[in-house]
N, C-alpha and C. Protein backbone atom coordinates (compact mmCIF):
# COMPACT_ATOMS: atom_id res chain seq x y z
N MET A 1 -30.49 4.08 16.08
CA MET A 1 -29.19 3.97 16.72
C MET A 1 -28.11 4.20 15.66
N ALA A 2 -27.22 5.12 15.94
CA ALA A 2 -26.14 5.45 15.00
C ALA A 2 -25.01 4.42 15.11
N GLY A 3 -24.42 4.13 13.98
CA GLY A 3 -23.28 3.21 13.96
C GLY A 3 -22.00 3.91 14.38
N LYS A 4 -20.93 3.16 14.41
CA LYS A 4 -19.63 3.73 14.78
C LYS A 4 -19.19 4.73 13.73
N LYS A 5 -18.71 5.86 14.18
CA LYS A 5 -18.24 6.91 13.28
C LYS A 5 -16.98 6.43 12.56
N PRO A 6 -16.91 6.57 11.24
CA PRO A 6 -15.71 6.14 10.52
C PRO A 6 -14.49 6.95 10.93
N THR A 7 -13.35 6.32 10.94
CA THR A 7 -12.09 6.99 11.27
C THR A 7 -11.39 7.41 9.98
N VAL A 8 -11.07 8.67 9.88
CA VAL A 8 -10.38 9.19 8.70
C VAL A 8 -8.88 9.20 8.99
N MET A 9 -8.12 8.63 8.09
CA MET A 9 -6.67 8.59 8.24
C MET A 9 -6.09 9.97 7.93
N HIS A 10 -5.08 10.38 8.70
CA HIS A 10 -4.39 11.64 8.44
C HIS A 10 -2.94 11.49 8.84
N GLY A 11 -2.14 12.47 8.46
CA GLY A 11 -0.70 12.40 8.65
C GLY A 11 -0.24 12.24 10.08
N ALA A 12 -0.92 12.83 11.04
CA ALA A 12 -0.50 12.71 12.43
C ALA A 12 -0.68 11.30 12.97
N ARG A 13 -1.53 10.50 12.32
CA ARG A 13 -1.73 9.11 12.73
C ARG A 13 -0.70 8.17 12.10
N ALA A 14 0.01 8.61 11.08
CA ALA A 14 0.85 7.73 10.28
C ALA A 14 2.25 7.54 10.87
N ILE A 15 2.70 6.31 10.84
CA ILE A 15 4.08 5.96 11.15
C ILE A 15 4.63 5.27 9.91
N LEU A 16 5.75 5.77 9.39
CA LEU A 16 6.37 5.18 8.21
C LEU A 16 7.53 4.31 8.64
N ALA A 17 7.57 3.08 8.12
CA ALA A 17 8.69 2.17 8.39
C ALA A 17 9.27 1.71 7.07
N ILE A 18 10.59 1.73 6.98
CA ILE A 18 11.31 1.20 5.82
C ILE A 18 12.20 0.09 6.35
N ALA A 19 12.12 -1.08 5.74
CA ALA A 19 12.87 -2.27 6.17
C ALA A 19 12.56 -2.58 7.64
N GLY A 20 11.31 -2.33 8.04
CA GLY A 20 10.89 -2.64 9.39
C GLY A 20 11.28 -1.63 10.46
N GLN A 21 11.99 -0.56 10.09
CA GLN A 21 12.43 0.45 11.05
C GLN A 21 11.66 1.74 10.84
N PRO A 22 11.07 2.31 11.90
CA PRO A 22 10.40 3.60 11.77
C PRO A 22 11.39 4.67 11.30
N VAL A 23 10.94 5.50 10.36
CA VAL A 23 11.78 6.55 9.79
C VAL A 23 11.06 7.87 10.03
N GLY A 24 11.73 8.82 10.68
CA GLY A 24 11.06 10.04 11.10
C GLY A 24 11.34 11.29 10.30
N ILE A 25 12.08 11.21 9.19
CA ILE A 25 12.43 12.44 8.47
C ILE A 25 11.42 12.81 7.39
N PHE A 26 10.54 11.91 7.02
CA PHE A 26 9.65 12.17 5.89
C PHE A 26 8.38 12.89 6.32
N THR A 27 7.94 13.84 5.50
CA THR A 27 6.74 14.61 5.77
C THR A 27 5.61 14.26 4.82
N ASN A 28 5.92 13.52 3.77
CA ASN A 28 4.92 13.17 2.77
C ASN A 28 5.33 11.86 2.11
N VAL A 29 4.44 10.91 2.06
CA VAL A 29 4.67 9.66 1.34
C VAL A 29 3.46 9.44 0.45
N SER A 30 3.70 9.23 -0.83
CA SER A 30 2.60 8.93 -1.74
C SER A 30 2.93 7.65 -2.49
N TYR A 31 1.89 6.92 -2.85
CA TYR A 31 2.08 5.67 -3.57
C TYR A 31 0.96 5.53 -4.58
N GLN A 32 1.26 4.82 -5.66
CA GLN A 32 0.30 4.67 -6.74
C GLN A 32 0.31 3.24 -7.24
N VAL A 33 -0.88 2.67 -7.36
CA VAL A 33 -1.06 1.35 -7.94
C VAL A 33 -1.78 1.56 -9.27
N GLN A 34 -1.15 1.15 -10.35
CA GLN A 34 -1.70 1.36 -11.69
C GLN A 34 -2.02 0.01 -12.33
N LEU A 35 -3.30 -0.22 -12.61
CA LEU A 35 -3.71 -1.45 -13.28
C LEU A 35 -3.73 -1.23 -14.79
N ASP A 36 -3.31 -2.25 -15.54
CA ASP A 36 -3.35 -2.18 -17.00
C ASP A 36 -4.69 -2.72 -17.48
N VAL A 37 -5.43 -1.89 -18.20
CA VAL A 37 -6.72 -2.26 -18.75
C VAL A 37 -6.66 -2.08 -20.26
N ALA A 38 -7.05 -3.11 -21.00
CA ALA A 38 -7.00 -3.05 -22.47
C ALA A 38 -8.42 -3.05 -23.04
N PRO A 39 -8.65 -2.23 -24.04
CA PRO A 39 -9.96 -2.27 -24.70
C PRO A 39 -10.04 -3.50 -25.61
N VAL A 40 -11.23 -4.08 -25.70
CA VAL A 40 -11.47 -5.21 -26.59
C VAL A 40 -12.28 -4.69 -27.77
N THR A 41 -11.67 -4.74 -28.94
CA THR A 41 -12.36 -4.29 -30.15
C THR A 41 -12.59 -5.49 -31.06
N ILE A 42 -13.68 -5.46 -31.77
CA ILE A 42 -14.02 -6.56 -32.68
C ILE A 42 -14.40 -5.98 -34.04
N LEU A 43 -14.32 -6.83 -35.03
CA LEU A 43 -14.75 -6.42 -36.37
C LEU A 43 -16.23 -6.05 -36.34
N GLY A 44 -16.56 -5.03 -37.06
CA GLY A 44 -17.96 -4.61 -37.15
C GLY A 44 -18.37 -3.63 -36.07
N SER A 45 -17.43 -3.25 -35.20
CA SER A 45 -17.77 -2.29 -34.14
C SER A 45 -16.86 -1.07 -34.27
N TYR A 46 -17.43 0.11 -34.14
CA TYR A 46 -16.65 1.34 -34.22
C TYR A 46 -15.90 1.66 -32.93
N ALA A 47 -16.31 1.04 -31.84
CA ALA A 47 -15.73 1.34 -30.54
C ALA A 47 -15.48 0.02 -29.79
N PRO A 48 -14.66 0.07 -28.76
CA PRO A 48 -14.47 -1.14 -27.95
C PRO A 48 -15.80 -1.64 -27.40
N VAL A 49 -15.91 -2.97 -27.28
CA VAL A 49 -17.14 -3.55 -26.76
C VAL A 49 -17.04 -3.85 -25.27
N THR A 50 -15.82 -3.91 -24.74
CA THR A 50 -15.60 -4.12 -23.32
C THR A 50 -14.14 -3.79 -23.00
N THR A 51 -13.78 -3.93 -21.78
CA THR A 51 -12.38 -3.80 -21.37
C THR A 51 -12.02 -4.98 -20.49
N GLU A 52 -10.73 -5.32 -20.45
CA GLU A 52 -10.24 -6.43 -19.64
C GLU A 52 -8.96 -6.03 -18.93
N TYR A 53 -8.80 -6.50 -17.69
CA TYR A 53 -7.53 -6.32 -16.99
C TYR A 53 -6.49 -7.22 -17.62
N VAL A 54 -5.31 -6.66 -17.88
CA VAL A 54 -4.24 -7.47 -18.47
C VAL A 54 -2.96 -7.44 -17.65
N GLY A 55 -2.95 -6.69 -16.56
CA GLY A 55 -1.75 -6.68 -15.73
C GLY A 55 -1.77 -5.56 -14.72
N MET A 56 -0.63 -5.42 -14.04
CA MET A 56 -0.45 -4.36 -13.06
C MET A 56 0.98 -3.87 -13.14
N GLU A 57 1.15 -2.57 -13.08
CA GLU A 57 2.48 -1.97 -13.09
C GLU A 57 3.09 -2.08 -11.69
N PRO A 58 4.42 -1.91 -11.57
CA PRO A 58 5.00 -1.86 -10.22
C PRO A 58 4.39 -0.71 -9.43
N VAL A 59 4.35 -0.86 -8.12
CA VAL A 59 3.83 0.17 -7.24
C VAL A 59 4.86 1.30 -7.18
N SER A 60 4.44 2.51 -7.49
CA SER A 60 5.32 3.68 -7.43
C SER A 60 5.19 4.32 -6.05
N VAL A 61 6.32 4.65 -5.44
CA VAL A 61 6.32 5.28 -4.12
C VAL A 61 7.26 6.48 -4.16
N SER A 62 6.82 7.57 -3.56
CA SER A 62 7.66 8.76 -3.42
C SER A 62 7.58 9.23 -1.98
N ALA A 63 8.73 9.47 -1.38
CA ALA A 63 8.79 9.95 0.01
C ALA A 63 9.60 11.24 0.04
N THR A 64 9.00 12.29 0.59
CA THR A 64 9.66 13.59 0.68
C THR A 64 9.76 13.99 2.15
N GLY A 65 10.89 14.54 2.52
CA GLY A 65 11.08 14.97 3.89
C GLY A 65 12.22 15.95 4.01
N TRP A 66 12.63 16.18 5.24
CA TRP A 66 13.70 17.13 5.51
C TRP A 66 15.05 16.45 5.33
N ARG A 67 15.99 17.17 4.76
CA ARG A 67 17.35 16.65 4.60
C ARG A 67 18.07 16.89 5.92
N VAL A 68 18.19 15.84 6.71
CA VAL A 68 18.79 15.91 8.04
C VAL A 68 20.24 15.46 7.93
N LEU A 69 21.17 16.28 8.46
CA LEU A 69 22.59 15.92 8.42
C LEU A 69 22.82 14.59 9.12
N ASP A 70 23.69 13.78 8.56
CA ASP A 70 24.03 12.44 9.05
C ASP A 70 22.89 11.43 8.91
N HIS A 71 21.81 11.80 8.20
CA HIS A 71 20.71 10.88 7.94
C HIS A 71 20.26 11.04 6.49
N GLY A 72 21.23 11.02 5.58
CA GLY A 72 20.94 11.21 4.17
C GLY A 72 20.39 9.95 3.52
N PRO A 73 20.27 9.97 2.20
CA PRO A 73 19.65 8.84 1.49
C PRO A 73 20.45 7.54 1.60
N HIS A 74 21.74 7.62 1.89
CA HIS A 74 22.54 6.40 2.02
C HIS A 74 22.69 5.93 3.46
N ALA A 75 21.94 6.53 4.37
CA ALA A 75 22.02 6.14 5.78
C ALA A 75 21.55 4.70 5.95
N VAL A 76 22.20 3.98 6.85
CA VAL A 76 21.79 2.62 7.18
C VAL A 76 20.56 2.70 8.07
N ILE A 77 19.50 2.00 7.69
CA ILE A 77 18.26 2.06 8.47
C ILE A 77 17.80 0.70 8.95
N GLY A 78 18.16 -0.36 8.27
CA GLY A 78 17.66 -1.68 8.62
C GLY A 78 18.55 -2.39 9.62
N LYS A 79 17.98 -3.39 10.27
CA LYS A 79 18.74 -4.18 11.24
C LYS A 79 19.83 -5.00 10.55
N ASN A 80 19.67 -5.24 9.26
CA ASN A 80 20.65 -6.02 8.51
C ASN A 80 21.54 -5.14 7.63
N GLY A 81 21.61 -3.85 7.94
CA GLY A 81 22.48 -2.95 7.20
C GLY A 81 21.87 -2.39 5.93
N GLU A 82 20.53 -2.50 5.77
CA GLU A 82 19.89 -1.96 4.58
C GLU A 82 19.99 -0.44 4.57
N ARG A 83 20.11 0.09 3.39
CA ARG A 83 20.12 1.54 3.18
C ARG A 83 18.85 1.94 2.45
N ILE A 84 18.39 3.18 2.66
CA ILE A 84 17.25 3.66 1.90
C ILE A 84 17.61 3.65 0.42
N VAL A 85 18.78 4.18 0.08
CA VAL A 85 19.31 4.14 -1.28
C VAL A 85 20.66 3.45 -1.20
N PRO A 86 20.86 2.33 -1.90
CA PRO A 86 22.14 1.64 -1.80
C PRO A 86 23.28 2.47 -2.40
N ALA A 87 24.47 2.26 -1.86
CA ALA A 87 25.67 2.88 -2.41
C ALA A 87 26.00 2.21 -3.75
N LEU A 88 26.76 2.88 -4.57
CA LEU A 88 27.10 2.36 -5.89
C LEU A 88 27.71 0.95 -5.81
N ALA A 89 28.62 0.74 -4.88
CA ALA A 89 29.28 -0.56 -4.75
C ALA A 89 28.32 -1.65 -4.25
N GLU A 90 27.16 -1.27 -3.74
CA GLU A 90 26.21 -2.24 -3.20
C GLU A 90 25.07 -2.58 -4.16
N LEU A 91 25.04 -1.98 -5.34
CA LEU A 91 23.90 -2.18 -6.24
C LEU A 91 23.67 -3.64 -6.57
N ILE A 92 24.72 -4.39 -6.81
CA ILE A 92 24.57 -5.78 -7.22
C ILE A 92 24.10 -6.68 -6.08
N SER A 93 24.34 -6.27 -4.85
CA SER A 93 24.00 -7.13 -3.71
C SER A 93 22.91 -6.54 -2.81
N ALA A 94 22.37 -5.40 -3.16
CA ALA A 94 21.37 -4.74 -2.30
C ALA A 94 20.09 -5.58 -2.21
N ASP A 95 19.62 -5.76 -0.98
CA ASP A 95 18.38 -6.50 -0.75
C ASP A 95 17.17 -5.62 -1.05
N GLU A 96 16.05 -6.29 -1.33
CA GLU A 96 14.80 -5.57 -1.47
C GLU A 96 14.34 -5.10 -0.10
N LEU A 97 13.58 -4.01 -0.08
CA LEU A 97 13.07 -3.43 1.15
C LEU A 97 11.56 -3.64 1.23
N SER A 98 11.00 -3.21 2.32
CA SER A 98 9.55 -3.08 2.45
C SER A 98 9.27 -1.67 2.94
N ILE A 99 8.13 -1.13 2.53
CA ILE A 99 7.69 0.18 3.00
C ILE A 99 6.30 -0.02 3.58
N THR A 100 6.13 0.38 4.83
CA THR A 100 4.85 0.19 5.50
C THR A 100 4.43 1.48 6.19
N VAL A 101 3.17 1.84 6.03
CA VAL A 101 2.57 2.95 6.77
C VAL A 101 1.62 2.32 7.78
N TYR A 102 1.89 2.57 9.07
CA TYR A 102 1.07 2.05 10.15
C TYR A 102 0.17 3.14 10.70
N ASP A 103 -0.93 2.71 11.32
CA ASP A 103 -1.78 3.62 12.06
C ASP A 103 -1.23 3.73 13.48
N ARG A 104 -0.85 4.94 13.89
CA ARG A 104 -0.26 5.13 15.22
C ARG A 104 -1.22 4.74 16.34
N GLN A 105 -2.51 4.86 16.12
CA GLN A 105 -3.50 4.48 17.14
C GLN A 105 -3.60 2.96 17.28
N ASP A 106 -3.27 2.23 16.21
CA ASP A 106 -3.31 0.76 16.22
C ASP A 106 -2.14 0.27 15.38
N PRO A 107 -0.95 0.15 15.99
CA PRO A 107 0.26 -0.20 15.22
C PRO A 107 0.22 -1.56 14.53
N THR A 108 -0.80 -2.38 14.82
CA THR A 108 -0.93 -3.65 14.09
C THR A 108 -1.64 -3.46 12.76
N LYS A 109 -2.23 -2.28 12.56
CA LYS A 109 -2.98 -2.00 11.33
C LYS A 109 -2.06 -1.37 10.28
N LYS A 110 -1.88 -2.09 9.18
CA LYS A 110 -1.04 -1.59 8.08
C LYS A 110 -1.93 -0.85 7.09
N ILE A 111 -1.76 0.47 7.04
CA ILE A 111 -2.53 1.30 6.12
C ILE A 111 -2.05 1.09 4.69
N ALA A 112 -0.76 0.90 4.52
CA ALA A 112 -0.16 0.56 3.22
C ALA A 112 1.06 -0.31 3.50
N ASP A 113 1.16 -1.40 2.78
CA ASP A 113 2.29 -2.32 2.94
C ASP A 113 2.78 -2.67 1.54
N ILE A 114 3.95 -2.18 1.19
CA ILE A 114 4.50 -2.39 -0.15
C ILE A 114 5.75 -3.24 0.02
N THR A 115 5.79 -4.38 -0.67
CA THR A 115 6.90 -5.31 -0.53
C THR A 115 7.68 -5.43 -1.83
N ASN A 116 8.84 -6.07 -1.71
CA ASN A 116 9.75 -6.24 -2.84
C ASN A 116 10.09 -4.88 -3.45
N VAL A 117 10.54 -3.97 -2.58
CA VAL A 117 10.78 -2.57 -2.95
C VAL A 117 12.26 -2.34 -3.23
N ARG A 118 12.53 -1.55 -4.24
CA ARG A 118 13.89 -1.08 -4.53
C ARG A 118 13.84 0.43 -4.76
N SER A 119 14.86 1.10 -4.26
CA SER A 119 14.97 2.54 -4.48
C SER A 119 15.33 2.82 -5.92
N GLN A 120 14.73 3.85 -6.49
CA GLN A 120 15.07 4.27 -7.85
C GLN A 120 16.01 5.47 -7.85
N GLY A 121 16.17 6.11 -6.70
CA GLY A 121 17.06 7.26 -6.63
C GLY A 121 16.48 8.34 -5.74
N PHE A 122 17.12 9.49 -5.75
CA PHE A 122 16.69 10.59 -4.88
C PHE A 122 17.04 11.91 -5.50
N SER A 123 16.41 12.96 -4.98
CA SER A 123 16.77 14.33 -5.37
C SER A 123 16.77 15.18 -4.11
N SER A 124 17.64 16.19 -4.12
CA SER A 124 17.76 17.09 -3.00
C SER A 124 18.41 18.37 -3.48
N GLY A 125 18.51 19.34 -2.63
CA GLY A 125 19.16 20.58 -2.99
C GLY A 125 19.12 21.54 -1.82
N VAL A 126 19.70 22.70 -2.02
CA VAL A 126 19.70 23.74 -1.01
C VAL A 126 19.29 25.05 -1.67
N ALA A 127 18.67 25.92 -0.89
CA ALA A 127 18.26 27.23 -1.38
C ALA A 127 18.34 28.22 -0.22
N ALA A 128 18.60 29.45 -0.55
CA ALA A 128 18.64 30.49 0.47
C ALA A 128 17.28 30.61 1.15
N ARG A 129 17.31 30.84 2.46
CA ARG A 129 16.11 31.08 3.26
C ARG A 129 15.09 29.95 3.15
N SER A 130 15.59 28.71 3.08
CA SER A 130 14.70 27.58 2.93
C SER A 130 15.32 26.34 3.58
N LEU A 131 14.48 25.46 4.10
CA LEU A 131 14.96 24.18 4.61
C LEU A 131 15.19 23.24 3.44
N SER A 132 16.21 22.42 3.54
CA SER A 132 16.52 21.48 2.46
C SER A 132 15.63 20.26 2.57
N GLU A 133 15.13 19.83 1.43
CA GLU A 133 14.29 18.64 1.37
C GLU A 133 15.01 17.52 0.64
N LEU A 134 14.51 16.33 0.85
CA LEU A 134 15.02 15.12 0.20
C LEU A 134 13.82 14.35 -0.31
N THR A 135 13.83 13.95 -1.57
CA THR A 135 12.78 13.12 -2.14
C THR A 135 13.42 11.84 -2.65
N VAL A 136 12.89 10.70 -2.19
CA VAL A 136 13.38 9.40 -2.61
C VAL A 136 12.24 8.70 -3.33
N THR A 137 12.53 8.10 -4.50
CA THR A 137 11.52 7.35 -5.24
C THR A 137 11.85 5.87 -5.20
N PHE A 138 10.80 5.06 -5.17
CA PHE A 138 10.92 3.61 -5.07
C PHE A 138 9.94 2.95 -6.04
N ILE A 139 10.18 1.68 -6.34
CA ILE A 139 9.17 0.84 -6.96
C ILE A 139 9.09 -0.46 -6.17
N GLY A 140 7.90 -1.01 -6.07
CA GLY A 140 7.68 -2.26 -5.36
C GLY A 140 6.75 -3.15 -6.17
N LEU A 141 6.64 -4.40 -5.76
CA LEU A 141 5.84 -5.34 -6.54
C LEU A 141 4.43 -5.55 -6.00
N ILE A 142 4.27 -5.62 -4.69
CA ILE A 142 2.98 -5.97 -4.11
C ILE A 142 2.51 -4.87 -3.16
N TYR A 143 1.24 -4.46 -3.29
CA TYR A 143 0.62 -3.50 -2.37
C TYR A 143 -0.49 -4.23 -1.62
N SER A 144 -0.49 -4.07 -0.32
CA SER A 144 -1.58 -4.58 0.53
C SER A 144 -1.95 -3.47 1.50
N ASP A 145 -3.15 -3.59 2.08
CA ASP A 145 -3.54 -2.65 3.13
C ASP A 145 -4.45 -3.37 4.12
N GLU A 146 -5.05 -2.60 5.05
CA GLU A 146 -5.83 -3.22 6.12
C GLU A 146 -7.08 -3.93 5.59
N SER A 147 -7.56 -3.56 4.41
CA SER A 147 -8.75 -4.21 3.86
C SER A 147 -8.40 -5.43 3.01
N LEU A 148 -7.14 -5.58 2.63
CA LEU A 148 -6.67 -6.74 1.86
C LEU A 148 -5.25 -7.05 2.33
N PRO A 149 -5.12 -7.68 3.52
CA PRO A 149 -3.80 -7.85 4.13
C PRO A 149 -2.82 -8.71 3.34
N ASP A 150 -3.31 -9.66 2.56
CA ASP A 150 -2.42 -10.52 1.77
C ASP A 150 -2.86 -10.45 0.33
N ASN A 151 -2.19 -9.63 -0.45
CA ASN A 151 -2.60 -9.39 -1.82
C ASN A 151 -2.04 -10.43 -2.78
N GLY A 152 -1.34 -11.44 -2.29
CA GLY A 152 -0.90 -12.55 -3.13
C GLY A 152 0.38 -12.30 -3.88
N GLU A 153 0.68 -13.22 -4.75
CA GLU A 153 1.88 -13.16 -5.58
C GLU A 153 1.55 -12.53 -6.92
N PRO A 154 2.57 -12.05 -7.65
CA PRO A 154 2.31 -11.38 -8.92
C PRO A 154 1.71 -12.26 -10.01
N GLY A 155 1.85 -13.58 -9.91
CA GLY A 155 1.28 -14.44 -10.96
C GLY A 155 1.64 -15.89 -10.73
N ALA A 156 1.23 -16.71 -11.69
CA ALA A 156 1.45 -18.15 -11.58
C ALA A 156 2.89 -18.52 -11.96
N ALA A 157 3.53 -17.72 -12.77
CA ALA A 157 4.88 -18.02 -13.23
C ALA A 157 5.89 -17.25 -12.39
N THR A 158 7.06 -17.85 -12.16
CA THR A 158 8.13 -17.20 -11.41
C THR A 158 9.44 -17.41 -12.13
N LEU A 159 10.42 -16.57 -11.80
CA LEU A 159 11.76 -16.75 -12.33
C LEU A 159 12.41 -17.96 -11.67
N PRO A 160 13.26 -18.69 -12.38
CA PRO A 160 13.95 -19.81 -11.73
C PRO A 160 14.91 -19.33 -10.66
N ALA A 161 15.13 -20.16 -9.65
CA ALA A 161 16.01 -19.80 -8.55
C ALA A 161 17.47 -19.93 -8.95
């Protein structure tokens, strides 16, 4: 008896939400989780004897899509007035965002959930005989997905309130 056929994720199944609001202009979203691994070297050995995890870098996110008029990088997208990229005057008070990729077949399934996100900026341009694109980069602190829905806090220590 054959088991259930695995479901492969693809772009047509993906729904992207920023600050809890679906965003339809992006055609590509990529994210990277980079773990810090250090070699352990000891006296009397020419090479490391093992490796150990020593940390994790912020989650890098890049979203590329079409540059749609009246929906640029400073457009308000959140219910609380959040912008994808804050305006200069809002930098000191801009809230953190969340970026979530949902499975359209099962909207309760989070394929990628990145929290404590801040925009790092954007790039765009125009060219003859070409559609204009917009790329926005972000960093976030915590990555979770459907196989690990609650990835925890960054560590035992926190900044004072």
